[in-house]
Amino acid sequence: FGLPNGTMVYSTIPFDGGIKSEFNTYFTPSLSKA
């Protein structure tokens, strides 16, 4: 998931269909000083 400025990744979710063919997740974008 890339932020609108195109220079920073907000979040990364790995997946492997050989282990799990389906899953659900969610996140709420938030501010972060770090």
ModelCIF file with pLDDT and N, C-alpha, C, O atoms, coordinates in Angstrom:
data_MODEL
#
_entry.id   MODEL 
#
_entity.id                         1 
_entity.type                       polymer 
_entity.pdbx_number_of_molecules   1 
#
_entity_poly.entity_id                      1 
_entity_poly.type                           'polypeptide(L)' 
_entity_poly.nstd_linkage                   no 
_entity_poly.nstd_monomer                   no 
_entity_poly.pdbx_seq_one_letter_code       FGLPNGTMVYSTIPFDGGIKSEFNTYFTPSLSKA 
_entity_poly.pdbx_seq_one_letter_code_can   FGLPNGTMVYSTIPFDGGIKSEFNTYFTPSLSKA 
_entity_poly.pdbx_strand_id                 A 
#
loop_
_entity_poly_seq.entity_id 
_entity_poly_seq.num 
_entity_poly_seq.mon_id 
_entity_poly_seq.hetero 
1 1  PHE n 
1 2  GLY n 
1 3  LEU n 
1 4  PRO n 
1 5  ASN n 
1 6  GLY n 
1 7  THR n 
1 8  MET n 
1 9  VAL n 
1 10 TYR n 
1 11 SER n 
1 12 THR n 
1 13 ILE n 
1 14 PRO n 
1 15 PHE n 
1 16 ASP n 
1 17 GLY n 
1 18 GLY n 
1 19 ILE n 
1 20 LYS n 
1 21 SER n 
1 22 GLU n 
1 23 PHE n 
1 24 ASN n 
1 25 THR n 
1 26 TYR n 
1 27 PHE n 
1 28 THR n 
1 29 PRO n 
1 30 SER n 
1 31 LEU n 
1 32 SER n 
1 33 LYS n 
1 34 ALA n 
#
_struct_asym.id          A 
_struct_asym.entity_id   1 
#
loop_
_ma_qa_metric.id 
_ma_qa_metric.mode 
_ma_qa_metric.name 
_ma_qa_metric.software_group_id 
_ma_qa_metric.type 
1 global pLDDT . pLDDT 
2 local  pLDDT . pLDDT 
#
_ma_qa_metric_global.metric_id      1 
_ma_qa_metric_global.metric_value   93.21 
_ma_qa_metric_global.model_id       1 
_ma_qa_metric_global.ordinal_id     1 
#
loop_
_ma_qa_metric_local.label_asym_id 
_ma_qa_metric_local.label_comp_id 
_ma_qa_metric_local.label_seq_id 
_ma_qa_metric_local.metric_id 
_ma_qa_metric_local.metric_value 
_ma_qa_metric_local.model_id 
_ma_qa_metric_local.ordinal_id 
A PHE 1  2 96.00 1 1  
A GLY 2  2 95.00 1 2  
A LEU 3  2 94.00 1 3  
A PRO 4  2 93.00 1 4  
A ASN 5  2 81.00 1 5  
A GLY 6  2 81.00 1 6  
A THR 7  2 78.00 1 7  
A MET 8  2 91.00 1 8  
A VAL 9  2 93.00 1 9  
A TYR 10 2 95.00 1 10 
A SER 11 2 94.00 1 11 
A THR 12 2 95.00 1 12 
A ILE 13 2 96.00 1 13 
A PRO 14 2 96.00 1 14 
A PHE 15 2 96.00 1 15 
A ASP 16 2 96.00 1 16 
A GLY 17 2 95.00 1 17 
A GLY 18 2 94.00 1 18 
A ILE 19 2 96.00 1 19 
A LYS 20 2 95.00 1 20 
A SER 21 2 95.00 1 21 
A GLU 22 2 95.00 1 22 
A PHE 23 2 96.00 1 23 
A ASN 24 2 96.00 1 24 
A THR 25 2 95.00 1 25 
A TYR 26 2 95.00 1 26 
A PHE 27 2 95.00 1 27 
A THR 28 2 95.00 1 28 
A PRO 29 2 94.00 1 29 
A SER 30 2 94.00 1 30 
A LEU 31 2 94.00 1 31 
A SER 32 2 92.00 1 32 
A LYS 33 2 92.00 1 33 
A ALA 34 2 91.00 1 34 
#
loop_
_atom_site.group_PDB 
_atom_site.id 
_atom_site.type_symbol 
_atom_site.label_atom_id 
_atom_site.label_alt_id 
_atom_site.label_comp_id 
_atom_site.label_asym_id 
_atom_site.label_entity_id 
_atom_site.label_seq_id 
_atom_site.pdbx_PDB_ins_code 
_atom_site.Cartn_x 
_atom_site.Cartn_y 
_atom_site.Cartn_z 
_atom_site.occupancy 
_atom_site.B_iso_or_equiv 
_atom_site.pdbx_formal_charge 
_atom_site.auth_seq_id 
_atom_site.auth_comp_id 
_atom_site.auth_asym_id 
_atom_site.auth_atom_id 
_atom_site.pdbx_PDB_model_num 
ATOM 1   N N  . PHE A 1 1  ? 0.855  -1.180  0.000  1.00 96.00 ? 1  PHE A N  1 
ATOM 2   C CA . PHE A 1 1  ? 0.000  0.000   0.000  1.00 96.00 ? 1  PHE A CA 1 
ATOM 3   C C  . PHE A 1 1  ? 0.889  1.227   0.000  1.00 96.00 ? 1  PHE A C  1 
ATOM 4   O O  . PHE A 1 1  ? 1.607  1.485   0.966  1.00 96.00 ? 1  PHE A O  1 
ATOM 5   N N  . GLY A 1 2  ? 0.840  1.983   -1.088 1.00 95.00 ? 2  GLY A N  1 
ATOM 6   C CA . GLY A 1 2  ? 1.677  3.172   -1.227 1.00 95.00 ? 2  GLY A CA 1 
ATOM 7   C C  . GLY A 1 2  ? 0.902  4.443   -0.982 1.00 95.00 ? 2  GLY A C  1 
ATOM 8   O O  . GLY A 1 2  ? -0.218 4.603   -1.468 1.00 95.00 ? 2  GLY A O  1 
ATOM 9   N N  . LEU A 1 3  ? 1.498  5.350   -0.225 1.00 94.00 ? 3  LEU A N  1 
ATOM 10  C CA . LEU A 1 3  ? 0.883  6.650   0.054  1.00 94.00 ? 3  LEU A CA 1 
ATOM 11  C C  . LEU A 1 3  ? 0.755  7.479   -1.227 1.00 94.00 ? 3  LEU A C  1 
ATOM 12  O O  . LEU A 1 3  ? 1.442  7.213   -2.213 1.00 94.00 ? 3  LEU A O  1 
ATOM 13  N N  . PRO A 1 4  ? -0.123 8.478   -1.209 1.00 93.00 ? 4  PRO A N  1 
ATOM 14  C CA . PRO A 1 4  ? -0.342 9.292   -2.407 1.00 93.00 ? 4  PRO A CA 1 
ATOM 15  C C  . PRO A 1 4  ? 0.888  9.990   -2.943 1.00 93.00 ? 4  PRO A C  1 
ATOM 16  O O  . PRO A 1 4  ? 0.949  10.256  -4.143 1.00 93.00 ? 4  PRO A O  1 
ATOM 17  N N  . ASN A 1 5  ? 1.863  10.297  -2.120 1.00 81.00 ? 5  ASN A N  1 
ATOM 18  C CA . ASN A 1 5  ? 3.040  10.998  -2.627 1.00 81.00 ? 5  ASN A CA 1 
ATOM 19  C C  . ASN A 1 5  ? 3.909  10.093  -3.501 1.00 81.00 ? 5  ASN A C  1 
ATOM 20  O O  . ASN A 1 5  ? 4.809  10.569  -4.193 1.00 81.00 ? 5  ASN A O  1 
ATOM 21  N N  . GLY A 1 6  ? 3.638  8.796   -3.466 1.00 81.00 ? 6  GLY A N  1 
ATOM 22  C CA . GLY A 1 6  ? 4.360  7.855   -4.318 1.00 81.00 ? 6  GLY A CA 1 
ATOM 23  C C  . GLY A 1 6  ? 5.766  7.527   -3.868 1.00 81.00 ? 6  GLY A C  1 
ATOM 24  O O  . GLY A 1 6  ? 6.466  6.767   -4.538 1.00 81.00 ? 6  GLY A O  1 
ATOM 25  N N  . THR A 1 7  ? 6.196  8.082   -2.751 1.00 78.00 ? 7  THR A N  1 
ATOM 26  C CA . THR A 1 7  ? 7.569  7.844   -2.307 1.00 78.00 ? 7  THR A CA 1 
ATOM 27  C C  . THR A 1 7  ? 7.654  6.979   -1.052 1.00 78.00 ? 7  THR A C  1 
ATOM 28  O O  . THR A 1 7  ? 8.746  6.587   -0.640 1.00 78.00 ? 7  THR A O  1 
ATOM 29  N N  . MET A 1 8  ? 6.508  6.683   -0.446 1.00 91.00 ? 8  MET A N  1 
ATOM 30  C CA . MET A 1 8  ? 6.557  5.935   0.804  1.00 91.00 ? 8  MET A CA 1 
ATOM 31  C C  . MET A 1 8  ? 5.533  4.800   0.815  1.00 91.00 ? 8  MET A C  1 
ATOM 32  O O  . MET A 1 8  ? 4.395  4.955   0.371  1.00 91.00 ? 8  MET A O  1 
ATOM 33  N N  . VAL A 1 9  ? 5.977  3.660   1.334  1.00 93.00 ? 9  VAL A N  1 
ATOM 34  C CA . VAL A 1 9  ? 5.090  2.518   1.523  1.00 93.00 ? 9  VAL A CA 1 
ATOM 35  C C  . VAL A 1 9  ? 4.439  2.664   2.888  1.00 93.00 ? 9  VAL A C  1 
ATOM 36  O O  . VAL A 1 9  ? 5.122  2.840   3.896  1.00 93.00 ? 9  VAL A O  1 
ATOM 37  N N  . TYR A 1 10 ? 3.114  2.589   2.912  1.00 95.00 ? 10 TYR A N  1 
ATOM 38  C CA . TYR A 1 10 ? 2.414  2.684   4.194  1.00 95.00 ? 10 TYR A CA 1 
ATOM 39  C C  . TYR A 1 10 ? 2.375  1.328   4.894  1.00 95.00 ? 10 TYR A C  1 
ATOM 40  O O  . TYR A 1 10 ? 2.598  1.240   6.102  1.00 95.00 ? 10 TYR A O  1 
ATOM 41  N N  . SER A 1 11 ? 2.092  0.274   4.131  1.00 94.00 ? 11 SER A N  1 
ATOM 42  C CA . SER A 1 11 ? 1.921  -1.045  4.733  1.00 94.00 ? 11 SER A CA 1 
ATOM 43  C C  . SER A 1 11 ? 2.238  -2.130  3.706  1.00 94.00 ? 11 SER A C  1 
ATOM 44  O O  . SER A 1 11 ? 2.055  -1.936  2.504  1.00 94.00 ? 11 SER A O  1 
ATOM 45  N N  . THR A 1 12 ? 2.711  -3.264  4.192  1.00 95.00 ? 12 THR A N  1 
ATOM 46  C CA . THR A 1 12 ? 3.001  -4.417  3.340  1.00 95.00 ? 12 THR A CA 1 
ATOM 47  C C  . THR A 1 12 ? 2.387  -5.658  3.982  1.00 95.00 ? 12 THR A C  1 
ATOM 48  O O  . THR A 1 12 ? 2.544  -5.888  5.181  1.00 95.00 ? 12 THR A O  1 
ATOM 49  N N  . ILE A 1 13 ? 1.692  -6.448  3.178  1.00 96.00 ? 13 ILE A N  1 
ATOM 50  C CA . ILE A 1 13 ? 1.067  -7.677  3.672  1.00 96.00 ? 13 ILE A CA 1 
ATOM 51  C C  . ILE A 1 13 ? 1.589  -8.838  2.820  1.00 96.00 ? 13 ILE A C  1 
ATOM 52  O O  . ILE A 1 13 ? 1.285  -8.905  1.629  1.00 96.00 ? 13 ILE A O  1 
ATOM 53  N N  . PRO A 1 14 ? 2.361  -9.744  3.403  1.00 96.00 ? 14 PRO A N  1 
ATOM 54  C CA . PRO A 1 14 ? 2.844  -10.896 2.628  1.00 96.00 ? 14 PRO A CA 1 
ATOM 55  C C  . PRO A 1 14 ? 1.731  -11.923 2.437  1.00 96.00 ? 14 PRO A C  1 
ATOM 56  O O  . PRO A 1 14 ? 0.809  -12.016 3.248  1.00 96.00 ? 14 PRO A O  1 
ATOM 57  N N  . PHE A 1 15 ? 1.831  -12.693 1.348  1.00 96.00 ? 15 PHE A N  1 
ATOM 58  C CA . PHE A 1 15 ? 0.874  -13.780 1.113  1.00 96.00 ? 15 PHE A CA 1 
ATOM 59  C C  . PHE A 1 15 ? 1.582  -14.926 0.418  1.00 96.00 ? 15 PHE A C  1 
ATOM 60  O O  . PHE A 1 15 ? 2.561  -14.732 -0.303 1.00 96.00 ? 15 PHE A O  1 
ATOM 61  N N  . ASP A 1 16 ? 1.064  -16.128 0.649  1.00 96.00 ? 16 ASP A N  1 
ATOM 62  C CA . ASP A 1 16 ? 1.587  -17.346 0.026  1.00 96.00 ? 16 ASP A CA 1 
ATOM 63  C C  . ASP A 1 16 ? 0.411  -18.282 -0.184 1.00 96.00 ? 16 ASP A C  1 
ATOM 64  O O  . ASP A 1 16 ? -0.079 -18.899 0.762  1.00 96.00 ? 16 ASP A O  1 
ATOM 65  N N  . GLY A 1 17 ? -0.043 -18.387 -1.435 1.00 95.00 ? 17 GLY A N  1 
ATOM 66  C CA . GLY A 1 17 ? -1.188 -19.228 -1.767 1.00 95.00 ? 17 GLY A CA 1 
ATOM 67  C C  . GLY A 1 17 ? -0.967 -20.694 -1.486 1.00 95.00 ? 17 GLY A C  1 
ATOM 68  O O  . GLY A 1 17 ? -1.934 -21.442 -1.338 1.00 95.00 ? 17 GLY A O  1 
ATOM 69  N N  . GLY A 1 18 ? 0.295  -21.134 -1.406 1.00 94.00 ? 18 GLY A N  1 
ATOM 70  C CA . GLY A 1 18 ? 0.585  -22.523 -1.069 1.00 94.00 ? 18 GLY A CA 1 
ATOM 71  C C  . GLY A 1 18 ? 0.286  -22.828 0.394  1.00 94.00 ? 18 GLY A C  1 
ATOM 72  O O  . GLY A 1 18 ? 0.071  -23.984 0.760  1.00 94.00 ? 18 GLY A O  1 
ATOM 73  N N  . ILE A 1 19 ? 0.273  -21.806 1.218  1.00 96.00 ? 19 ILE A N  1 
ATOM 74  C CA . ILE A 1 19 ? -0.016 -21.976 2.645  1.00 96.00 ? 19 ILE A CA 1 
ATOM 75  C C  . ILE A 1 19 ? -1.477 -21.646 2.945  1.00 96.00 ? 19 ILE A C  1 
ATOM 76  O O  . ILE A 1 19 ? -2.146 -22.359 3.693  1.00 96.00 ? 19 ILE A O  1 
ATOM 77  N N  . LYS A 1 20 ? -1.958 -20.556 2.351  1.00 95.00 ? 20 LYS A N  1 
ATOM 78  C CA . LYS A 1 20 ? -3.315 -20.081 2.621  1.00 95.00 ? 20 LYS A CA 1 
ATOM 79  C C  . LYS A 1 20 ? -3.880 -19.481 1.342  1.00 95.00 ? 20 LYS A C  1 
ATOM 80  O O  . LYS A 1 20 ? -3.315 -18.533 0.797  1.00 95.00 ? 20 LYS A O  1 
ATOM 81  N N  . SER A 1 21 ? -4.994 -20.030 0.859  1.00 95.00 ? 21 SER A N  1 
ATOM 82  C CA . SER A 1 21 ? -5.552 -19.542 -0.411 1.00 95.00 ? 21 SER A CA 1 
ATOM 83  C C  . SER A 1 21 ? -6.484 -18.348 -0.233 1.00 95.00 ? 21 SER A C  1 
ATOM 84  O O  . SER A 1 21 ? -6.842 -17.687 -1.208 1.00 95.00 ? 21 SER A O  1 
ATOM 85  N N  . GLU A 1 22 ? -6.878 -18.070 1.006  1.00 95.00 ? 22 GLU A N  1 
ATOM 86  C CA . GLU A 1 22 ? -7.724 -16.901 1.238  1.00 95.00 ? 22 GLU A CA 1 
ATOM 87  C C  . GLU A 1 22 ? -7.536 -16.379 2.660  1.00 95.00 ? 22 GLU A C  1 
ATOM 88  O O  . GLU A 1 22 ? -7.243 -17.132 3.589  1.00 95.00 ? 22 GLU A O  1 
ATOM 89  N N  . PHE A 1 23 ? -7.712 -15.068 2.795  1.00 96.00 ? 23 PHE A N  1 
ATOM 90  C CA . PHE A 1 23 ? -7.655 -14.431 4.108  1.00 96.00 ? 23 PHE A CA 1 
ATOM 91  C C  . PHE A 1 23 ? -8.269 -13.048 4.010  1.00 96.00 ? 23 PHE A C  1 
ATOM 92  O O  . PHE A 1 23 ? -8.419 -12.497 2.919  1.00 96.00 ? 23 PHE A O  1 
ATOM 93  N N  . ASN A 1 24 ? -8.623 -12.493 5.160  1.00 96.00 ? 24 ASN A N  1 
ATOM 94  C CA . ASN A 1 24 ? -9.167 -11.141 5.261  1.00 96.00 ? 24 ASN A CA 1 
ATOM 95  C C  . ASN A 1 24 ? -8.334 -10.371 6.279  1.00 96.00 ? 24 ASN A C  1 
ATOM 96  O O  . ASN A 1 24 ? -7.838 -10.940 7.251  1.00 96.00 ? 24 ASN A O  1 
ATOM 97  N N  . THR A 1 25 ? -8.191 -9.091  6.046  1.00 95.00 ? 25 THR A N  1 
ATOM 98  C CA . THR A 1 25 ? -7.501 -8.226  6.998  1.00 95.00 ? 25 THR A CA 1 
ATOM 99  C C  . THR A 1 25 ? -8.019 -6.805  6.804  1.00 95.00 ? 25 THR A C  1 
ATOM 100 O O  . THR A 1 25 ? -8.746 -6.521  5.852  1.00 95.00 ? 25 THR A O  1 
ATOM 101 N N  . TYR A 1 26 ? -7.639 -5.931  7.707  1.00 95.00 ? 26 TYR A N  1 
ATOM 102 C CA . TYR A 1 26 ? -7.996 -4.524  7.556  1.00 95.00 ? 26 TYR A CA 1 
ATOM 103 C C  . TYR A 1 26 ? -6.975 -3.665  8.289  1.00 95.00 ? 26 TYR A C  1 
ATOM 104 O O  . TYR A 1 26 ? -6.230 -4.146  9.143  1.00 95.00 ? 26 TYR A O  1 
ATOM 105 N N  . PHE A 1 27 ? -6.958 -2.404  7.940  1.00 95.00 ? 27 PHE A N  1 
ATOM 106 C CA . PHE A 1 27 ? -6.144 -1.423  8.659  1.00 95.00 ? 27 PHE A CA 1 
ATOM 107 C C  . PHE A 1 27 ? -6.823 -0.071  8.568  1.00 95.00 ? 27 PHE A C  1 
ATOM 108 O O  . PHE A 1 27 ? -7.656 0.166   7.693  1.00 95.00 ? 27 PHE A O  1 
ATOM 109 N N  . THR A 1 28 ? -6.456 0.810   9.481  1.00 95.00 ? 28 THR A N  1 
ATOM 110 C CA . THR A 1 28 ? -6.954 2.181   9.477  1.00 95.00 ? 28 THR A CA 1 
ATOM 111 C C  . THR A 1 28 ? -5.750 3.096   9.342  1.00 95.00 ? 28 THR A C  1 
ATOM 112 O O  . THR A 1 28 ? -4.962 3.203   10.282 1.00 95.00 ? 28 THR A O  1 
ATOM 113 N N  . PRO A 1 29 ? -5.580 3.756   8.211  1.00 94.00 ? 29 PRO A N  1 
ATOM 114 C CA . PRO A 1 29 ? -4.436 4.656   8.054  1.00 94.00 ? 29 PRO A CA 1 
ATOM 115 C C  . PRO A 1 29 ? -4.412 5.704   9.157  1.00 94.00 ? 29 PRO A C  1 
ATOM 116 O O  . PRO A 1 29 ? -5.431 6.316   9.475  1.00 94.00 ? 29 PRO A O  1 
ATOM 117 N N  . SER A 1 30 ? -3.239 5.899   9.729  1.00 94.00 ? 30 SER A N  1 
ATOM 118 C CA . SER A 1 30 ? -3.109 6.866   10.816 1.00 94.00 ? 30 SER A CA 1 
ATOM 119 C C  . SER A 1 30 ? -1.785 7.620   10.701 1.00 94.00 ? 30 SER A C  1 
ATOM 120 O O  . SER A 1 30 ? -0.873 7.214   9.981  1.00 94.00 ? 30 SER A O  1 
ATOM 121 N N  . LEU A 1 31 ? -1.714 8.715   11.423 1.00 94.00 ? 31 LEU A N  1 
ATOM 122 C CA . LEU A 1 31 ? -0.503 9.527   11.438 1.00 94.00 ? 31 LEU A CA 1 
ATOM 123 C C  . LEU A 1 31 ? 0.566  8.834   12.273 1.00 94.00 ? 31 LEU A C  1 
ATOM 124 O O  . LEU A 1 31 ? 0.263  8.064   13.184 1.00 94.00 ? 31 LEU A O  1 
ATOM 125 N N  . SER A 1 32 ? 1.823  9.122   11.944 1.00 92.00 ? 32 SER A N  1 
ATOM 126 C CA . SER A 1 32 ? 2.930  8.531   12.691 1.00 92.00 ? 32 SER A CA 1 
ATOM 127 C C  . SER A 1 32 ? 4.152  9.441   12.583 1.00 92.00 ? 32 SER A C  1 
ATOM 128 O O  . SER A 1 32 ? 4.698  9.653   11.500 1.00 92.00 ? 32 SER A O  1 
ATOM 129 N N  . LYS A 1 33 ? 4.559  9.964   13.718 1.00 92.00 ? 33 LYS A N  1 
ATOM 130 C CA . LYS A 1 33 ? 5.749  10.810  13.740 1.00 92.00 ? 33 LYS A CA 1 
ATOM 131 C C  . LYS A 1 33 ? 6.969  10.005  13.311 1.00 92.00 ? 33 LYS A C  1 
ATOM 132 O O  . LYS A 1 33 ? 7.796  10.496  12.544 1.00 92.00 ? 33 LYS A O  1 
ATOM 133 N N  . ALA A 1 34 ? 7.089  8.763   13.802 1.00 91.00 ? 34 ALA A N  1 
ATOM 134 C CA . ALA A 1 34 ? 8.239  7.908   13.486 1.00 91.00 ? 34 ALA A CA 1 
ATOM 135 C C  . ALA A 1 34 ? 8.326  7.602   11.994 1.00 91.00 ? 34 ALA A C  1 
ATOM 136 O O  . ALA A 1 34 ? 9.235  6.896   11.560 1.00 91.00 ? 34 ALA A O  1 
#
